Amino acid sequence: MKHLINHTVYGSLSYIPGGGTHAENLAAMGADGVELLTNYSETDAAFKGHATGVHLPYAMDWRSVWRGEREVPADMPEGDVRHLFYGRDREGIVGNLADAMRMAAAVRPAYGVLHACSTPMDEIGLWEYSDADPDVLADFADMLNAAVSGFPGGEPPFTLMLENLWWPGLRLLDGSGWRFLESKLEFDDWGVCLDTGHLLIAAGGVSTEAEAVEKIRSIVERYPTGLRDRLSVIHLHMNLSAEYLKKDMRPDGYLAMPFKDRVAEGYGIICAADAHRPFTNPGIVDVVESLEPDFVTHELLEHDPVATIGKFKTQRALFR
């Protein structure tokens, strides 16, 4: 089991402390490499050899465009279009998603994570949604099949690890989403990335770390063998969001706000609910090891890299 720290293409590895090479500095803090958040540009070759995994960019409301239910404003910059919808239409979505995989493949990662969900922008901040999981996963599979089909042999350039969220799609509260994807995906090189923080929100939230450990344990111990076999990456972090999940977190007048303001408010809500705290309770170790993952990414997001490293060391110290 390898332990990774999250990082992005928007910074360099120079923030990792130490007087040795990047690899030596990572090893000194207990990291076997990084999981690198990528984008739609060529990935800096400096990350090659350190980016054990990649996290592909995500568009939270791609499905509304895929189904023709939303027309993207003509004056919206292409960067914003990709960030929110992947593209302006089906062809653009498929092309941009394939480009994201192609660019990330340059660092030769063992795997690439992709969120397997979608939610209408107007429903961010709510905790019940209008779309059903199977409907979202059906469109997700169609989108992904189309994006992967252009690669040699109809397989992605690295193993695609499909990640759960609390929005409609793959939630991993049981084996139903995995079974559905097994029946719909037309390529073989894929697996499952379990995000423990996302799982807690999907399960209704917790108020204490002890509750978080037991909630995750109670869910994963019921996973069927086939799902366990596909699950080889864990994003390990927690949130204590039970109080948030009892209310509509959107400010007054949210639906009347200009689109860009709604996006900004939406991201604030997401960050408040999903705080990416480190575990300090050693009970989480048995839960993680019971799933026998190949990689554990300590996904502890902070604007300050030094704070990220501090949280990584706190959680990493739980493991042998």
Protein backbone atom coordinates (compact mmCIF):
# COMPACT_ATOMS: atom_id res chain seq x y z
CA MET A 1 0.00 0.00 0.00
CA LYS A 2 1.54 3.30 -1.13
CA HIS A 3 0.81 6.62 0.56
CA LEU A 4 0.45 9.72 -1.61
CA ILE A 5 0.00 13.42 -0.93
CA ASN A 6 -2.31 15.54 -3.08
CA HIS A 7 -0.79 18.23 -5.26
CA THR A 8 -1.70 20.27 -8.36
CA VAL A 9 -0.09 21.28 -11.65
CA TYR A 10 -0.49 24.89 -10.52
CA GLY A 11 2.53 24.60 -8.22
CA SER A 12 5.92 22.90 -8.11
CA LEU A 13 7.31 20.22 -5.82
CA SER A 14 9.71 22.76 -4.34
CA TYR A 15 7.33 23.31 -1.42
CA ILE A 16 8.19 19.86 -0.05
CA PRO A 17 10.77 20.55 2.70
CA GLY A 18 14.19 18.94 2.82
CA GLY A 19 17.63 19.21 1.36
CA GLY A 20 17.54 16.26 -1.00
CA THR A 21 15.88 15.43 -4.30
CA HIS A 22 12.10 15.65 -4.61
CA ALA A 23 11.87 11.87 -4.21
CA GLU A 24 14.07 11.94 -1.10
CA ASN A 25 12.09 14.80 0.42
CA LEU A 26 8.79 13.04 -0.21
CA ALA A 27 10.11 9.80 1.27
CA ALA A 28 11.36 11.61 4.37
CA MET A 29 7.82 12.72 5.20
CA GLY A 30 6.35 9.28 4.47
CA ALA A 31 5.03 9.94 0.96
CA ASP A 32 5.63 7.48 -1.87
CA GLY A 33 4.63 10.13 -4.43
CA VAL A 34 1.88 12.58 -5.28
CA GLU A 35 -1.59 12.41 -6.76
CA LEU A 36 -1.53 15.34 -9.16
CA LEU A 37 -4.58 17.42 -10.08
CA THR A 38 -4.21 18.08 -13.81
CA ASN A 39 -5.92 20.31 -16.37
CA TYR A 40 -6.29 20.61 -20.15
CA SER A 41 -2.74 21.78 -20.85
CA GLU A 42 0.40 19.75 -21.30
CA THR A 43 1.52 18.49 -17.90
CA ASP A 44 4.98 19.62 -16.82
CA ALA A 45 7.45 16.78 -17.37
CA ALA A 46 9.05 17.69 -14.02
CA PHE A 47 6.26 15.72 -12.35
CA LYS A 48 7.19 12.53 -14.21
CA GLY A 49 8.37 9.95 -11.72
CA HIS A 50 6.64 11.69 -8.82
CA ALA A 51 3.01 11.74 -10.01
CA THR A 52 2.09 8.20 -9.07
CA GLY A 53 -1.51 9.08 -9.82
CA VAL A 54 -3.42 11.96 -11.37
CA HIS A 55 -6.77 13.53 -10.62
CA LEU A 56 -8.49 14.63 -13.80
CA PRO A 57 -10.41 17.93 -13.86
CA TYR A 58 -14.10 17.78 -13.07
CA ALA A 59 -17.17 19.62 -14.35
CA MET A 60 -20.00 19.48 -11.82
CA ASP A 61 -22.94 20.11 -14.21
CA TRP A 62 -21.86 18.36 -17.43
CA ARG A 63 -25.08 16.34 -17.64
CA SER A 64 -27.35 19.33 -18.31
CA VAL A 65 -25.33 20.10 -21.45
CA TRP A 66 -24.97 16.43 -22.43
CA ARG A 67 -28.75 16.09 -22.40
CA GLY A 68 -29.36 19.39 -24.17
CA GLU A 69 -31.10 20.89 -21.14
CA ARG A 70 -28.74 23.87 -20.81
CA GLU A 71 -27.42 26.19 -23.47
CA VAL A 72 -23.98 27.48 -22.58
CA PRO A 73 -23.76 31.30 -22.94
CA ALA A 74 -21.91 32.20 -26.12
CA ASP A 75 -19.73 34.74 -24.29
CA MET A 76 -18.62 32.34 -21.55
CA PRO A 77 -14.81 31.84 -21.74
CA GLU A 78 -13.71 28.37 -22.79
CA GLY A 79 -11.90 27.82 -19.50
CA ASP A 80 -15.13 28.39 -17.59
CA VAL A 81 -17.04 26.16 -20.00
CA ARG A 82 -14.65 23.26 -19.42
CA HIS A 83 -14.61 23.90 -15.67
CA LEU A 84 -18.39 23.79 -15.30
CA PHE A 85 -19.68 21.63 -18.19
CA TYR A 86 -16.65 19.99 -19.92
CA GLY A 87 -17.84 21.53 -23.20
CA ARG A 88 -20.55 23.41 -25.10
CA ASP A 89 -22.13 20.27 -26.57
CA ARG A 90 -21.63 16.50 -26.65
CA GLU A 91 -18.81 16.67 -29.16
CA GLY A 92 -16.98 19.28 -27.11
CA ILE A 93 -17.48 17.32 -23.89
CA VAL A 94 -16.04 14.14 -25.39
CA GLY A 95 -13.12 15.98 -26.97
CA ASN A 96 -12.19 17.89 -23.82
CA LEU A 97 -12.40 14.83 -21.59
CA ALA A 98 -10.19 12.88 -23.99
CA ASP A 99 -7.74 15.81 -24.08
CA ALA A 100 -7.59 15.86 -20.27
CA MET A 101 -6.63 12.17 -20.25
CA ARG A 102 -4.10 12.65 -23.03
CA MET A 103 -2.38 15.55 -21.26
CA ALA A 104 -2.25 13.71 -17.92
CA ALA A 105 -0.80 10.60 -19.57
CA ALA A 106 2.43 12.51 -20.23
CA VAL A 107 3.61 11.91 -16.64
CA ARG A 108 2.88 8.16 -16.97
CA PRO A 109 0.66 7.77 -13.91
CA ALA A 110 -0.47 4.40 -12.62
CA TYR A 111 -4.05 5.67 -12.49
CA GLY A 112 -6.26 8.70 -13.03
CA VAL A 113 -9.23 9.65 -10.85
CA LEU A 114 -12.49 10.96 -12.32
CA HIS A 115 -15.61 11.99 -10.39
CA ALA A 116 -18.56 9.84 -11.47
CA CYS A 117 -21.45 12.20 -10.78
CA SER A 118 -23.22 15.39 -11.82
CA THR A 119 -25.55 17.90 -10.23
CA PRO A 120 -27.50 20.88 -11.57
CA MET A 121 -25.90 24.14 -10.48
CA ASP A 122 -29.18 25.27 -8.89
CA GLU A 123 -29.11 22.29 -6.50
CA ILE A 124 -25.67 22.88 -4.99
CA GLY A 125 -26.22 23.51 -1.30
CA LEU A 126 -29.21 21.18 -1.16
CA TRP A 127 -28.80 17.64 0.14
CA GLU A 128 -31.58 15.99 -1.85
CA TYR A 129 -31.48 16.04 -5.63
CA SER A 130 -33.82 15.78 -8.59
CA ASP A 131 -31.73 13.30 -10.61
CA ALA A 132 -31.61 9.56 -9.91
CA ASP A 133 -28.26 7.80 -9.58
CA PRO A 134 -28.86 5.25 -12.40
CA ASP A 135 -29.89 8.00 -14.84
CA VAL A 136 -26.72 9.98 -14.14
CA LEU A 137 -24.53 6.88 -14.34
CA ALA A 138 -26.10 5.88 -17.67
CA ASP A 139 -25.16 9.24 -19.18
CA PHE A 140 -21.76 9.14 -17.47
CA ALA A 141 -21.02 5.74 -19.01
CA ASP A 142 -22.07 6.95 -22.47
CA MET A 143 -19.84 10.03 -22.11
CA LEU A 144 -16.86 8.05 -20.86
CA ASN A 145 -17.25 5.30 -23.46
CA ALA A 146 -17.17 7.93 -26.19
CA ALA A 147 -14.12 9.71 -24.72
CA VAL A 148 -12.14 6.48 -24.29
CA SER A 149 -13.04 4.97 -27.67
CA GLY A 150 -10.52 7.14 -29.50
CA PHE A 151 -7.51 5.75 -27.61
CA PRO A 152 -5.54 2.72 -28.89
CA GLY A 153 -7.45 -0.50 -28.36
CA GLY A 154 -10.43 1.43 -27.01
CA GLU A 155 -8.77 1.57 -23.57
CA PRO A 156 -7.78 4.67 -21.57
CA PRO A 157 -4.09 5.64 -21.40
CA PHE A 158 -4.04 4.69 -17.68
CA THR A 159 -6.45 2.95 -15.32
CA LEU A 160 -9.46 5.18 -14.75
CA MET A 161 -10.48 5.22 -11.10
CA LEU A 162 -14.08 6.39 -10.73
CA GLU A 163 -14.72 8.37 -7.58
CA ASN A 164 -17.84 8.66 -5.44
CA LEU A 165 -19.47 11.90 -4.39
CA TRP A 166 -22.69 12.78 -2.57
CA TRP A 167 -24.29 14.15 -5.73
CA PRO A 168 -26.29 11.89 -8.05
CA GLY A 169 -24.16 9.20 -9.63
CA LEU A 170 -21.68 6.94 -7.85
CA ARG A 171 -22.17 7.28 -4.10
CA LEU A 172 -20.75 3.91 -2.92
CA LEU A 173 -23.22 3.53 -0.08
CA ASP A 174 -23.62 -0.03 -1.40
CA GLY A 175 -22.68 -2.03 -4.50
CA SER A 176 -25.47 -0.80 -6.79
CA GLY A 177 -23.48 1.93 -8.57
CA TRP A 178 -20.52 -0.37 -9.19
CA ARG A 179 -22.82 -3.05 -10.64
CA PHE A 180 -24.45 -0.52 -12.93
CA LEU A 181 -21.09 0.67 -14.26
CA GLU A 182 -19.99 -2.94 -14.78
CA SER A 183 -22.94 -3.36 -17.12
CA LYS A 184 -22.47 -0.11 -19.05
CA LEU A 185 -18.75 0.60 -19.49
CA GLU A 186 -17.31 -0.74 -22.74
CA PHE A 187 -13.65 -0.83 -21.70
CA ASP A 188 -11.86 -2.90 -19.08
CA ASP A 189 -9.15 -0.73 -17.54
CA TRP A 190 -11.12 0.99 -14.80
CA GLY A 191 -11.54 0.75 -11.07
CA VAL A 192 -13.07 2.52 -8.08
CA CYS A 193 -11.67 5.29 -5.90
CA LEU A 194 -13.38 5.49 -2.51
CA ASP A 195 -13.43 9.00 -1.07
CA THR A 196 -14.16 8.68 2.64
CA GLY A 197 -15.14 12.33 3.16
CA HIS A 198 -17.64 12.21 0.31
CA LEU A 199 -19.01 8.93 1.67
CA LEU A 200 -19.73 10.55 5.04
CA ILE A 201 -21.85 13.28 3.44
CA ALA A 202 -23.67 10.78 1.21
CA ALA A 203 -24.46 8.75 4.35
CA GLY A 204 -26.04 11.71 6.12
CA GLY A 205 -23.08 13.18 7.96
CA VAL A 206 -21.46 12.73 11.36
CA SER A 207 -20.59 15.02 14.26
CA THR A 208 -17.51 13.32 15.75
CA GLU A 209 -14.46 11.52 14.45
CA ALA A 210 -15.42 8.32 16.28
CA GLU A 211 -18.76 8.40 14.45
CA ALA A 212 -16.92 8.93 11.17
CA VAL A 213 -14.78 5.83 11.64
CA GLU A 214 -17.76 3.67 12.55
CA LYS A 215 -19.95 5.04 9.76
CA ILE A 216 -17.32 4.25 7.13
CA ARG A 217 -16.66 0.84 8.68
CA SER A 218 -20.35 -0.08 8.69
CA ILE A 219 -20.68 0.74 4.99
CA VAL A 220 -17.51 -0.80 3.56
CA GLU A 221 -17.83 -4.06 5.46
CA ARG A 222 -20.95 -4.75 3.37
CA TYR A 223 -19.25 -4.16 0.01
CA PRO A 224 -19.52 -7.17 -2.30
CA THR A 225 -16.35 -8.96 -3.41
CA GLY A 226 -16.52 -7.61 -6.97
CA LEU A 227 -16.55 -4.02 -5.74
CA ARG A 228 -13.66 -4.70 -3.39
CA ASP A 229 -11.68 -6.14 -6.29
CA ARG A 230 -12.20 -2.93 -8.30
CA LEU A 231 -11.42 -0.63 -5.34
CA SER A 232 -7.69 0.08 -5.36
CA VAL A 233 -7.49 3.79 -4.48
CA ILE A 234 -8.74 5.56 -1.34
CA HIS A 235 -8.95 9.31 -0.83
CA LEU A 236 -8.62 9.50 2.93
CA HIS A 237 -10.02 12.48 4.84
CA MET A 238 -13.08 13.32 6.91
CA ASN A 239 -15.61 16.03 7.60
CA LEU A 240 -17.97 16.66 10.50
CA SER A 241 -20.89 18.00 8.48
CA ALA A 242 -24.00 16.67 10.23
CA GLU A 243 -25.29 20.16 11.06
CA TYR A 244 -24.74 21.45 7.52
CA LEU A 245 -26.79 18.62 6.07
CA LYS A 246 -29.89 19.64 8.00
CA LYS A 247 -30.40 22.89 6.11
CA ASP A 248 -30.36 24.63 2.75
CA MET A 249 -26.97 26.33 2.77
CA ARG A 250 -27.71 28.66 -0.13
CA PRO A 251 -27.98 32.39 0.70
CA ASP A 252 -31.22 34.32 0.20
CA GLY A 253 -31.75 35.16 -3.45
CA TYR A 254 -29.34 32.45 -4.64
CA LEU A 255 -31.41 31.44 -7.69
CA ALA A 256 -31.71 35.06 -8.82
CA MET A 257 -27.95 35.68 -8.65
CA PRO A 258 -25.89 36.01 -11.85
CA PHE A 259 -24.57 32.62 -12.87
CA LYS A 260 -20.96 33.40 -11.95
CA ASP A 261 -21.99 34.50 -8.45
CA ARG A 262 -23.93 31.27 -7.96
CA VAL A 263 -20.82 29.31 -8.92
CA ALA A 264 -18.73 31.18 -6.34
CA GLU A 265 -21.37 30.64 -3.64
CA GLY A 266 -21.59 26.97 -4.62
CA TYR A 267 -17.89 26.38 -4.15
CA GLY A 268 -18.03 28.06 -0.76
CA ILE A 269 -20.79 25.68 0.30
CA ILE A 270 -18.83 22.66 -0.94
CA CYS A 271 -15.69 23.68 0.94
CA ALA A 272 -17.60 24.33 4.15
CA ALA A 273 -19.28 20.91 4.10
CA ASP A 274 -16.33 18.89 2.83
CA ALA A 275 -13.45 20.30 4.85
CA HIS A 276 -10.90 17.53 4.19
CA ARG A 277 -9.83 17.16 7.81
CA PRO A 278 -7.15 14.61 8.73
CA PHE A 279 -8.10 11.57 10.79
CA THR A 280 -6.43 11.31 14.19
CA ASN A 281 -8.35 8.22 15.39
CA PRO A 282 -6.24 5.09 14.77
CA GLY A 283 -9.42 3.08 14.24
CA ILE A 284 -9.50 4.26 10.62
CA VAL A 285 -6.36 2.23 9.87
CA ASP A 286 -8.14 -1.12 10.23
CA VAL A 287 -10.97 0.14 8.00
CA VAL A 288 -8.53 1.19 5.27
CA GLU A 289 -6.42 -1.94 5.48
CA SER A 290 -9.50 -4.18 5.33
CA LEU A 291 -10.05 -2.93 1.77
CA GLU A 292 -6.44 -3.69 0.73
CA PRO A 293 -6.01 -0.65 -1.54
CA ASP A 294 -2.91 -0.20 -3.68
CA PHE A 295 -2.85 3.56 -3.03
CA VAL A 296 -4.03 5.83 -0.23
CA THR A 297 -4.06 9.52 -1.14
CA HIS A 298 -4.15 11.68 1.97
CA GLU A 299 -6.36 14.28 0.28
CA LEU A 300 -6.02 17.16 2.71
CA LEU A 301 -6.73 20.35 0.85
CA GLU A 302 -5.32 23.67 2.01
CA HIS A 303 -4.46 26.91 0.21
CA ASP A 304 -1.24 26.96 2.21
CA PRO A 305 1.09 24.09 1.15
CA VAL A 306 2.76 24.06 4.55
CA ALA A 307 -0.63 23.42 6.18
CA THR A 308 -1.30 20.60 3.72
CA ILE A 309 1.98 18.95 4.67
CA GLY A 310 1.16 19.32 8.37
CA LYS A 311 -2.21 17.61 7.91
CA PHE A 312 -0.57 14.90 5.80
CA LYS A 313 1.95 14.13 8.54
CA THR A 314 -0.81 13.97 11.15
CA GLN A 315 -2.81 11.39 9.22
CA ARG A 316 0.16 9.50 7.76
CA ALA A 317 1.49 8.90 11.28
CA LEU A 318 -1.46 6.61 12.00
CA PHE A 319 -0.10 4.01 9.58
CA ARG A 320 2.90 1.74 9.97
